[in-house]
């Protein structure tokens, strides 16, 4: 049995997860900077708790997205390393899967 992995698609999926990480990180920062001061005193506390909870959720989800992206890149790299032992084209793909920050 032969397993075929399309490295370009794996890399594209990793990039998608990177984008989700950035979007969620931005959302977390926006929530952290939001002020409940426009609300009346009776609801200000619950609003503040709501903002803190969603900020934490967005930050954690962003971290999970980055872990997913890193895992996909790691898997692709390991596959290419094995393929590179017998296929010169796999060596060329190796340079395409590194994340640029």
PDB file of N, CA and C in Angstrom:
ATOM      1  N   UNK A   1       0.846  -1.170   0.000  1.00  0.00           N
ATOM      2  CA  UNK A   1       0.000   0.000   0.000  1.00  0.00           C
ATOM      3  C   UNK A   1       0.888   1.228   0.000  1.00  0.00           C
ATOM      4  N   UNK A   2       0.492   2.225  -0.751  1.00  0.00           N
ATOM      5  CA  UNK A   2       1.243   3.470  -0.843  1.00  0.00           C
ATOM      6  C   UNK A   2       0.409   4.597  -0.255  1.00  0.00           C
ATOM      7  N   UNK A   3       1.040   5.391   0.555  1.00  0.00           N
ATOM      8  CA  UNK A   3       0.389   6.567   1.131  1.00  0.00           C
ATOM      9  C   UNK A   3       0.898   7.787   0.383  1.00  0.00           C
ATOM     10  N   UNK A   4      -0.014   8.563  -0.159  1.00  0.00           N
ATOM     11  CA  UNK A   4       0.367   9.765  -0.890  1.00  0.00           C
ATOM     12  C   UNK A   4      -0.104  10.978  -0.101  1.00  0.00           C
ATOM     13  N   UNK A   5       0.829  11.856   0.205  1.00  0.00           N
ATOM     14  CA  UNK A   5       0.504  13.092   0.910  1.00  0.00           C
ATOM     15  C   UNK A   5       0.848  14.254  -0.006  1.00  0.00           C
ATOM     16  N   UNK A   6      -0.107  15.130  -0.231  1.00  0.00           N
ATOM     17  CA  UNK A   6       0.142  16.316  -1.043  1.00  0.00           C
ATOM     18  C   UNK A   6       0.661  17.411  -0.106  1.00  0.00           C
ATOM     19  N   UNK A   7       1.968  17.587  -0.133  1.00  0.00           N
ATOM     20  CA  UNK A   7       2.631  18.502   0.790  1.00  0.00           C
ATOM     21  C   UNK A   7       2.114  19.926   0.633  1.00  0.00           C
ATOM     22  N   UNK A   8       1.819  20.329  -0.588  1.00  0.00           N
ATOM     23  CA  UNK A   8       1.278  21.675  -0.799  1.00  0.00           C
ATOM     24  C   UNK A   8      -0.031  21.898  -0.063  1.00  0.00           C
ATOM     25  N   UNK A   9      -0.863  20.869  -0.041  1.00  0.00           N
ATOM     26  CA  UNK A   9      -2.147  20.986   0.671  1.00  0.00           C
ATOM     27  C   UNK A   9      -1.944  20.979   2.180  1.00  0.00           C
ATOM     28  N   UNK A  10      -0.991  20.182   2.646  1.00  0.00           N
ATOM     29  CA  UNK A  10      -0.685  20.176   4.080  1.00  0.00           C
ATOM     30  C   UNK A  10      -0.149  21.548   4.482  1.00  0.00           C
ATOM     31  N   UNK A  11       0.729  22.104   3.665  1.00  0.00           N
ATOM     32  CA  UNK A  11       1.284  23.419   3.953  1.00  0.00           C
ATOM     33  C   UNK A  11       0.198  24.492   3.925  1.00  0.00           C
ATOM     34  N   UNK A  12      -0.729  24.398   2.976  1.00  0.00           N
ATOM     35  CA  UNK A  12      -1.838  25.354   2.903  1.00  0.00           C
ATOM     36  C   UNK A  12      -2.726  25.251   4.146  1.00  0.00           C
ATOM     37  N   UNK A  13      -2.960  24.035   4.604  1.00  0.00           N
ATOM     38  CA  UNK A  13      -3.755  23.852   5.829  1.00  0.00           C
ATOM     39  C   UNK A  13      -3.034  24.461   7.026  1.00  0.00           C
ATOM     40  N   UNK A  14      -1.724  24.275   7.105  1.00  0.00           N
ATOM     41  CA  UNK A  14      -0.946  24.860   8.197  1.00  0.00           C
ATOM     42  C   UNK A  14      -1.041  26.382   8.163  1.00  0.00           C
ATOM     43  N   UNK A  15      -0.969  26.945   6.966  1.00  0.00           N
ATOM     44  CA  UNK A  15      -1.084  28.397   6.825  1.00  0.00           C
ATOM     45  C   UNK A  15      -2.465  28.869   7.270  1.00  0.00           C
ATOM     46  N   UNK A  16      -3.487  28.094   6.943  1.00  0.00           N
ATOM     47  CA  UNK A  16      -4.840  28.433   7.405  1.00  0.00           C
ATOM     48  C   UNK A  16      -4.936  28.453   8.921  1.00  0.00           C
ATOM     49  N   UNK A  17      -4.318  27.476   9.568  1.00  0.00           N
ATOM     50  CA  UNK A  17      -4.309  27.451  11.037  1.00  0.00           C
ATOM     51  C   UNK A  17      -3.506  28.624  11.593  1.00  0.00           C
ATOM     52  N   UNK A  18      -2.423  29.006  10.918  1.00  0.00           N
ATOM     53  CA  UNK A  18      -1.664  30.192  11.347  1.00  0.00           C
ATOM     54  C   UNK A  18      -2.536  31.437  11.293  1.00  0.00           C
ATOM     55  N   UNK A  19      -3.328  31.549  10.232  1.00  0.00           N
ATOM     56  CA  UNK A  19      -4.228  32.693  10.090  1.00  0.00           C
ATOM     57  C   UNK A  19      -5.258  32.715  11.213  1.00  0.00           C
ATOM     58  N   UNK A  20      -5.804  31.543  11.532  1.00  0.00           N
ATOM     59  CA  UNK A  20      -6.756  31.469  12.649  1.00  0.00           C
ATOM     60  C   UNK A  20      -6.092  31.911  13.949  1.00  0.00           C
ATOM     61  N   UNK A  21      -4.854  31.489  14.163  1.00  0.00           N
ATOM     62  CA  UNK A  21      -4.118  31.895  15.361  1.00  0.00           C
ATOM     63  C   UNK A  21      -4.019  33.419  15.432  1.00  0.00           C
ATOM     64  N   UNK A  22      -3.638  34.042  14.325  1.00  0.00           N
ATOM     65  CA  UNK A  22      -3.503  35.497  14.306  1.00  0.00           C
ATOM     66  C   UNK A  22      -4.848  36.191  14.540  1.00  0.00           C
ATOM     67  N   UNK A  23      -5.909  35.675  13.918  1.00  0.00           N
ATOM     68  CA  UNK A  23      -7.243  36.263  14.107  1.00  0.00           C
ATOM     69  C   UNK A  23      -7.702  36.146  15.555  1.00  0.00           C
ATOM     70  N   UNK A  24      -7.496  34.987  16.140  1.00  0.00           N
ATOM     71  CA  UNK A  24      -7.915  34.778  17.529  1.00  0.00           C
ATOM     72  C   UNK A  24      -7.060  35.592  18.494  1.00  0.00           C
ATOM     73  N   UNK A  25      -5.784  35.742  18.199  1.00  0.00           N
ATOM     74  CA  UNK A  25      -4.911  36.558  19.035  1.00  0.00           C
ATOM     75  C   UNK A  25      -5.349  38.018  18.992  1.00  0.00           C
ATOM     76  N   UNK A  26      -5.712  38.487  17.806  1.00  0.00           N
ATOM     77  CA  UNK A  26      -6.216  39.854  17.671  1.00  0.00           C
ATOM     78  C   UNK A  26      -7.517  40.031  18.445  1.00  0.00           C
ATOM     79  N   UNK A  27      -8.402  39.054  18.342  1.00  0.00           N
ATOM     80  CA  UNK A  27      -9.666  39.119  19.090  1.00  0.00           C
ATOM     81  C   UNK A  27      -9.410  39.150  20.590  1.00  0.00           C
ATOM     82  N   UNK A  28      -8.463  38.346  21.053  1.00  0.00           N
ATOM     83  CA  UNK A  28      -8.135  38.324  22.484  1.00  0.00           C
ATOM     84  C   UNK A  28      -7.614  39.680  22.937  1.00  0.00           C
ATOM     85  N   UNK A  29      -6.775  40.286  22.129  1.00  0.00           N
ATOM     86  CA  UNK A  29      -6.235  41.614  22.475  1.00  0.00           C
ATOM     87  C   UNK A  29      -7.347  42.659  22.497  1.00  0.00           C
ATOM     88  N   UNK A  30      -8.257  42.580  21.525  1.00  0.00           N
ATOM     89  CA  UNK A  30      -9.379  43.518  21.490  1.00  0.00           C
ATOM     90  C   UNK A  30     -10.257  43.354  22.725  1.00  0.00           C
ATOM     91  N   UNK A  31     -10.529  42.119  23.096  1.00  0.00           N
ATOM     92  CA  UNK A  31     -11.352  41.869  24.282  1.00  0.00           C
ATOM     93  C   UNK A  31     -10.645  42.336  25.547  1.00  0.00           C
ATOM     94  N   UNK A  32      -9.336  42.142  25.610  1.00  0.00           N
ATOM     95  CA  UNK A  32      -8.573  42.573  26.786  1.00  0.00           C
ATOM     96  C   UNK A  32      -8.587  44.094  26.920  1.00  0.00           C
ATOM     97  N   UNK A  33      -8.665  44.774  25.775  1.00  0.00           N
ATOM     98  CA  UNK A  33      -8.670  46.234  25.803  1.00  0.00           C
ATOM     99  C   UNK A  33     -10.053  46.850  25.913  1.00  0.00           C
ATOM    100  N   UNK A  34     -11.081  46.035  25.864  1.00  0.00           N
ATOM    101  CA  UNK A  34     -12.455  46.553  25.939  1.00  0.00           C
ATOM    102  C   UNK A  34     -12.776  46.961  27.375  1.00  0.00           C
ATOM    103  N   UNK A  35     -13.507  48.028  27.487  1.00  0.00           N
ATOM    104  CA  UNK A  35     -13.860  48.533  28.810  1.00  0.00           C
ATOM    105  C   UNK A  35     -15.357  48.363  29.074  1.00  0.00           C
ATOM    106  N   UNK A  36     -15.689  47.925  30.272  1.00  0.00           N
ATOM    107  CA  UNK A  36     -17.103  47.822  30.639  1.00  0.00           C
ATOM    108  C   UNK A  36     -17.652  49.136  31.212  1.00  0.00           C
ATOM    109  N   UNK A  37     -16.876  50.200  31.102  1.00  0.00           N
ATOM    110  CA  UNK A  37     -17.254  51.459  31.747  1.00  0.00           C
ATOM    111  C   UNK A  37     -18.545  52.067  31.206  1.00  0.00           C
ATOM    112  N   UNK A  38     -18.955  51.699  29.995  1.00  0.00           N
ATOM    113  CA  UNK A  38     -20.187  52.243  29.434  1.00  0.00           C
ATOM    114  C   UNK A  38     -21.448  51.599  29.982  1.00  0.00           C
ATOM    115  N   UNK A  39     -21.269  50.598  30.821  1.00  0.00           N
ATOM    116  CA  UNK A  39     -22.416  49.895  31.390  1.00  0.00           C
ATOM    117  C   UNK A  39     -22.729  50.440  32.785  1.00  0.00           C
ATOM    118  N   UNK A  40     -23.967  50.275  33.188  1.00  0.00           N
ATOM    119  CA  UNK A  40     -24.354  50.731  34.520  1.00  0.00           C
ATOM    120  C   UNK A  40     -23.719  49.828  35.579  1.00  0.00           C
ATOM    121  N   UNK A  41     -23.644  50.333  36.763  1.00  0.00           N
ATOM    122  CA  UNK A  41     -22.981  49.633  37.864  1.00  0.00           C
ATOM    123  C   UNK A  41     -23.506  48.218  38.094  1.00  0.00           C
ATOM    124  N   UNK A  42     -24.824  47.984  38.046  1.00  0.00           N
ATOM    125  CA  UNK A  42     -25.312  46.621  38.309  1.00  0.00           C
ATOM    126  C   UNK A  42     -24.816  45.561  37.321  1.00  0.00           C
ATOM    127  N   UNK A  43     -24.527  45.959  36.080  1.00  0.00           N
ATOM    128  CA  UNK A  43     -24.099  44.965  35.091  1.00  0.00           C
ATOM    129  C   UNK A  43     -22.611  45.056  34.749  1.00  0.00           C
ATOM    130  N   UNK A  44     -21.920  46.054  35.270  1.00  0.00           N
ATOM    131  CA  UNK A  44     -20.510  46.244  34.938  1.00  0.00           C
ATOM    132  C   UNK A  44     -19.666  45.027  35.327  1.00  0.00           C
ATOM    133  N   UNK A  45     -19.912  44.466  36.500  1.00  0.00           N
ATOM    134  CA  UNK A  45     -19.163  43.283  36.946  1.00  0.00           C
ATOM    135  C   UNK A  45     -19.355  42.085  36.030  1.00  0.00           C
ATOM    136  N   UNK A  46     -20.601  41.726  35.731  1.00  0.00           N
ATOM    137  CA  UNK A  46     -20.809  40.610  34.796  1.00  0.00           C
ATOM    138  C   UNK A  46     -20.218  40.870  33.403  1.00  0.00           C
ATOM    139  N   UNK A  47     -20.281  42.101  32.929  1.00  0.00           N
ATOM    140  CA  UNK A  47     -19.702  42.423  31.619  1.00  0.00           C
ATOM    141  C   UNK A  47     -18.186  42.246  31.672  1.00  0.00           C
ATOM    142  N   UNK A  48     -17.585  42.707  32.748  1.00  0.00           N
ATOM    143  CA  UNK A  48     -16.134  42.547  32.901  1.00  0.00           C
ATOM    144  C   UNK A  48     -15.748  41.067  32.925  1.00  0.00           C
ATOM    145  N   UNK A  49     -16.535  40.264  33.635  1.00  0.00           N
ATOM    146  CA  UNK A  49     -16.276  38.819  33.674  1.00  0.00           C
ATOM    147  C   UNK A  49     -16.455  38.189  32.297  1.00  0.00           C
ATOM    148  N   UNK A  50     -17.486  38.627  31.574  1.00  0.00           N
ATOM    149  CA  UNK A  50     -17.724  38.148  30.214  1.00  0.00           C
ATOM    150  C   UNK A  50     -16.514  38.444  29.321  1.00  0.00           C
ATOM    151  N   UNK A  51     -16.011  39.670  29.380  1.00  0.00           N
ATOM    152  CA  UNK A  51     -14.862  40.059  28.559  1.00  0.00           C
ATOM    153  C   UNK A  51     -13.624  39.231  28.908  1.00  0.00           C
ATOM    154  N   UNK A  52     -13.381  39.043  30.194  1.00  0.00           N
ATOM    155  CA  UNK A  52     -12.217  38.260  30.624  1.00  0.00           C
ATOM    156  C   UNK A  52     -12.331  36.803  30.182  1.00  0.00           C
ATOM    157  N   UNK A  53     -13.522  36.240  30.301  1.00  0.00           N
ATOM    158  CA  UNK A  53     -13.731  34.844  29.919  1.00  0.00           C
ATOM    159  C   UNK A  53     -13.498  34.655  28.422  1.00  0.00           C
ATOM    160  N   UNK A  54     -14.068  35.534  27.603  1.00  0.00           N
ATOM    161  CA  UNK A  54     -13.912  35.400  26.157  1.00  0.00           C
ATOM    162  C   UNK A  54     -12.501  35.741  25.708  1.00  0.00           C
ATOM    163  N   UNK A  55     -11.840  36.641  26.401  1.00  0.00           N
ATOM    164  CA  UNK A  55     -10.441  36.941  26.082  1.00  0.00           C
ATOM    165  C   UNK A  55      -9.583  35.699  26.310  1.00  0.00           C
ATOM    166  N   UNK A  56      -9.790  35.037  27.434  1.00  0.00           N
ATOM    167  CA  UNK A  56      -9.043  33.809  27.746  1.00  0.00           C
ATOM    168  C   UNK A  56      -9.362  32.708  26.729  1.00  0.00           C
ATOM    169  N   UNK A  57     -10.644  32.566  26.397  1.00  0.00           N
ATOM    170  CA  UNK A  57     -11.054  31.558  25.424  1.00  0.00           C
ATOM    171  C   UNK A  57     -10.396  31.812  24.068  1.00  0.00           C
ATOM    172  N   UNK A  58     -10.414  33.052  23.596  1.00  0.00           N
ATOM    173  CA  UNK A  58      -9.816  33.388  22.301  1.00  0.00           C
ATOM    174  C   UNK A  58      -8.309  33.147  22.317  1.00  0.00           C
ATOM    175  N   UNK A  59      -7.652  33.512  23.395  1.00  0.00           N
ATOM    176  CA  UNK A  59      -6.201  33.310  23.497  1.00  0.00           C
ATOM    177  C   UNK A  59      -5.862  31.809  23.474  1.00  0.00           C
ATOM    178  N   UNK A  60      -6.591  31.021  24.252  1.00  0.00           N
ATOM    179  CA  UNK A  60      -6.334  29.571  24.292  1.00  0.00           C
ATOM    180  C   UNK A  60      -6.642  28.917  22.947  1.00  0.00           C
ATOM    181  N   UNK A  61      -7.728  29.326  22.306  1.00  0.00           N
ATOM    182  CA  UNK A  61      -8.064  28.768  20.988  1.00  0.00           C
ATOM    183  C   UNK A  61      -6.997  29.146  19.968  1.00  0.00           C
ATOM    184  N   UNK A  62      -6.473  30.351  20.064  1.00  0.00           N
ATOM    185  CA  UNK A  62      -5.393  30.772  19.179  1.00  0.00           C
ATOM    186  C   UNK A  62      -4.144  29.941  19.383  1.00  0.00           C
ATOM    187  N   UNK A  63      -3.820  29.653  20.628  1.00  0.00           N
ATOM    188  CA  UNK A  63      -2.661  28.810  20.917  1.00  0.00           C
ATOM    189  C   UNK A  63      -2.868  27.401  20.366  1.00  0.00           C
ATOM    190  N   UNK A  64      -4.085  26.902  20.490  1.00  0.00           N
ATOM    191  CA  UNK A  64      -4.392  25.576  19.923  1.00  0.00           C
ATOM    192  C   UNK A  64      -4.252  25.579  18.399  1.00  0.00           C
ATOM    193  N   UNK A  65      -4.693  26.663  17.767  1.00  0.00           N
ATOM    194  CA  UNK A  65      -4.567  26.767  16.309  1.00  0.00           C
ATOM    195  C   UNK A  65      -3.096  26.762  15.899  1.00  0.00           C
ATOM    196  N   UNK A  66      -2.266  27.470  16.635  1.00  0.00           N
ATOM    197  CA  UNK A  66      -0.837  27.494  16.309  1.00  0.00           C
ATOM    198  C   UNK A  66      -0.205  26.120  16.504  1.00  0.00           C
ATOM    199  N   UNK A  67      -0.620  25.411  17.540  1.00  0.00           N
ATOM    200  CA  UNK A  67      -0.116  24.046  17.748  1.00  0.00           C
ATOM    201  C   UNK A  67      -0.520  23.141  16.577  1.00  0.00           C
ATOM    202  N   UNK A  68      -1.738  23.310  16.083  1.00  0.00           N
ATOM    203  CA  UNK A  68      -2.206  22.519  14.950  1.00  0.00           C
ATOM    204  C   UNK A  68      -1.345  22.820  13.717  1.00  0.00           C
ATOM    205  N   UNK A  69      -1.084  24.099  13.470  1.00  0.00           N
ATOM    206  CA  UNK A  69      -0.246  24.485  12.327  1.00  0.00           C
ATOM    207  C   UNK A  69       1.146  23.888  12.457  1.00  0.00           C
ATOM    208  N   UNK A  70       1.724  23.997  13.635  1.00  0.00           N
ATOM    209  CA  UNK A  70       3.061  23.454  13.861  1.00  0.00           C
ATOM    210  C   UNK A  70       3.077  21.938  13.679  1.00  0.00           C
ATOM    211  N   UNK A  71       2.028  21.267  14.135  1.00  0.00           N
ATOM    212  CA  UNK A  71       1.940  19.816  13.982  1.00  0.00           C
ATOM    213  C   UNK A  71       1.858  19.389  12.528  1.00  0.00           C
ATOM    214  N   UNK A  72       1.089  20.135  11.742  1.00  0.00           N
ATOM    215  CA  UNK A  72       0.992  19.824  10.314  1.00  0.00           C
ATOM    216  C   UNK A  72       2.339  20.014   9.621  1.00  0.00           C
ATOM    217  N   UNK A  73       3.020  21.111   9.943  1.00  0.00           N
ATOM    218  CA  UNK A  73       4.338  21.342   9.340  1.00  0.00           C
ATOM    219  C   UNK A  73       5.334  20.269   9.757  1.00  0.00           C
ATOM    220  N   UNK A  74       5.276  19.863  11.013  1.00  0.00           N
ATOM    221  CA  UNK A  74       6.186  18.829  11.506  1.00  0.00           C
ATOM    222  C   UNK A  74       5.935  17.507  10.773  1.00  0.00           C
ATOM    223  N   UNK A  75       4.657  17.154  10.618  1.00  0.00           N
ATOM    224  CA  UNK A  75       4.321  15.910   9.916  1.00  0.00           C
ATOM    225  C   UNK A  75       4.801  15.964   8.469  1.00  0.00           C
ATOM    226  N   UNK A  76       4.565  17.092   7.804  1.00  0.00           N
ATOM    227  CA  UNK A  76       5.002  17.227   6.412  1.00  0.00           C
ATOM    228  C   UNK A  76       6.521  17.125   6.312  1.00  0.00           C
ATOM    229  N   UNK A  77       7.200  17.752   7.238  1.00  0.00           N
ATOM    230  CA  UNK A  77       8.666  17.713   7.214  1.00  0.00           C
ATOM    231  C   UNK A  77       9.180  16.288   7.421  1.00  0.00           C
ATOM    232  N   UNK A  78       8.582  15.569   8.345  1.00  0.00           N
ATOM    233  CA  UNK A  78       9.007  14.190   8.600  1.00  0.00           C
ATOM    234  C   UNK A  78       8.752  13.298   7.386  1.00  0.00           C
ATOM    235  N   UNK A  79       7.633  13.498   6.725  1.00  0.00           N
ATOM    236  CA  UNK A  79       7.338  12.728   5.515  1.00  0.00           C
ATOM    237  C   UNK A  79       8.370  13.045   4.431  1.00  0.00           C
ATOM    238  N   UNK A  80       8.655  14.331   4.259  1.00  0.00           N
ATOM    239  CA  UNK A  80       9.625  14.728   3.237  1.00  0.00           C
ATOM    240  C   UNK A  80      11.032  14.226   3.559  1.00  0.00           C
ATOM    241  N   UNK A  81      11.384  14.225   4.828  1.00  0.00           N
ATOM    242  CA  UNK A  81      12.709  13.721   5.210  1.00  0.00           C
ATOM    243  C   UNK A  81      12.856  12.252   4.822  1.00  0.00           C
ATOM    244  N   UNK A  82      11.797  11.494   5.026  1.00  0.00           N
ATOM    245  CA  UNK A  82      11.844  10.082   4.630  1.00  0.00           C
ATOM    246  C   UNK A  82      11.890   9.948   3.110  1.00  0.00           C
ATOM    247  N   UNK A  83      11.040  10.729   2.437  1.00  0.00           N
ATOM    248  CA  UNK A  83      11.015  10.670   0.979  1.00  0.00           C
ATOM    249  C   UNK A  83      12.332  11.146   0.372  1.00  0.00           C
ATOM    250  N   UNK A  84      12.973  12.105   1.007  1.00  0.00           N
ATOM    251  CA  UNK A  84      14.212  12.671   0.473  1.00  0.00           C
ATOM    252  C   UNK A  84      15.338  11.638   0.411  1.00  0.00           C
ATOM    253  N   UNK A  85      15.188  10.568   1.154  1.00  0.00           N
ATOM    254  CA  UNK A  85      16.211   9.524   1.112  1.00  0.00           C
ATOM    255  C   UNK A  85      16.241   8.833  -0.238  1.00  0.00           C
ATOM    256  N   UNK A  86      15.102   8.893  -0.952  1.00  0.00           N
ATOM    257  CA  UNK A  86      15.038   8.207  -2.248  1.00  0.00           C
ATOM    258  C   UNK A  86      14.548   9.090  -3.385  1.00  0.00           C
ATOM    259  N   UNK A  87      14.117  10.318  -3.093  1.00  0.00           N
ATOM    260  CA  UNK A  87      13.507  11.164  -4.127  1.00  0.00           C
ATOM    261  C   UNK A  87      14.082  12.574  -4.050  1.00  0.00           C
ATOM    262  N   UNK A  88      14.756  13.000  -5.091  1.00  0.00           N
ATOM    263  CA  UNK A  88      15.368  14.334  -5.124  1.00  0.00           C
ATOM    264  C   UNK A  88      14.316  15.438  -5.062  1.00  0.00           C
ATOM    265  N   UNK A  89      13.117  15.215  -5.614  1.00  0.00           N
ATOM    266  CA  UNK A  89      12.063  16.228  -5.571  1.00  0.00           C
ATOM    267  C   UNK A  89      11.629  16.527  -4.143  1.00  0.00           C
ATOM    268  N   UNK A  90      11.659  15.533  -3.289  1.00  0.00           N
ATOM    269  CA  UNK A  90      11.281  15.750  -1.891  1.00  0.00           C
ATOM    270  C   UNK A  90      12.243  16.717  -1.228  1.00  0.00           C
ATOM    271  N   UNK A  91      13.491  16.682  -1.610  1.00  0.00           N
ATOM    272  CA  UNK A  91      14.477  17.605  -1.043  1.00  0.00           C
ATOM    273  C   UNK A  91      14.124  19.051  -1.405  1.00  0.00           C
ATOM    274  N   UNK A  92      13.606  19.256  -2.600  1.00  0.00           N
ATOM    275  CA  UNK A  92      13.221  20.599  -3.023  1.00  0.00           C
ATOM    276  C   UNK A  92      12.043  21.137  -2.211  1.00  0.00           C
ATOM    277  N   UNK A  93      11.112  20.268  -1.871  1.00  0.00           N
ATOM    278  CA  UNK A  93       9.938  20.679  -1.095  1.00  0.00           C
ATOM    279  C   UNK A  93      10.291  21.061   0.341  1.00  0.00           C
ATOM    280  N   UNK A  94      11.392  20.544   0.843  1.00  0.00           N
ATOM    281  CA  UNK A  94      11.776  20.790   2.235  1.00  0.00           C
ATOM    282  C   UNK A  94      11.830  22.283   2.561  1.00  0.00           C
ATOM    283  N   UNK A  95      12.302  23.075   1.628  1.00  0.00           N
ATOM    284  CA  UNK A  95      12.435  24.512   1.866  1.00  0.00           C
ATOM    285  C   UNK A  95      11.095  25.227   1.855  1.00  0.00           C
ATOM    286  N   UNK A  96      10.046  24.587   1.388  1.00  0.00           N
ATOM    287  CA  UNK A  96       8.738  25.230   1.259  1.00  0.00           C
ATOM    288  C   UNK A  96       7.886  25.114   2.513  1.00  0.00           C
ATOM    289  N   UNK A  97       8.253  24.320   3.479  1.00  0.00           N
ATOM    290  CA  UNK A  97       7.342  24.079   4.599  1.00  0.00           C
ATOM    291  C   UNK A  97       7.751  24.784   5.881  1.00  0.00           C
ATOM    292  N   UNK A  98       8.833  25.555   5.853  1.00  0.00           N
ATOM    293  CA  UNK A  98       9.235  26.278   7.050  1.00  0.00           C
ATOM    294  C   UNK A  98       8.328  27.481   7.256  1.00  0.00           C
ATOM    295  N   UNK A  99       7.948  27.722   8.486  1.00  0.00           N
ATOM    296  CA  UNK A  99       7.111  28.868   8.804  1.00  0.00           C
ATOM    297  C   UNK A  99       7.971  30.117   8.858  1.00  0.00           C
ATOM    298  N   UNK A 100       7.499  31.180   8.240  1.00  0.00           N
ATOM    299  CA  UNK A 100       8.187  32.469   8.292  1.00  0.00           C
ATOM    300  C   UNK A 100       7.418  33.367   9.238  1.00  0.00           C
ATOM    301  N   UNK A 101       8.103  33.840  10.253  1.00  0.00           N
ATOM    302  CA  UNK A 101       7.434  34.732  11.237  1.00  0.00           C
ATOM    303  C   UNK A 101       7.991  36.112  11.137  1.00  0.00           C
TER     304      UNK A 101
END
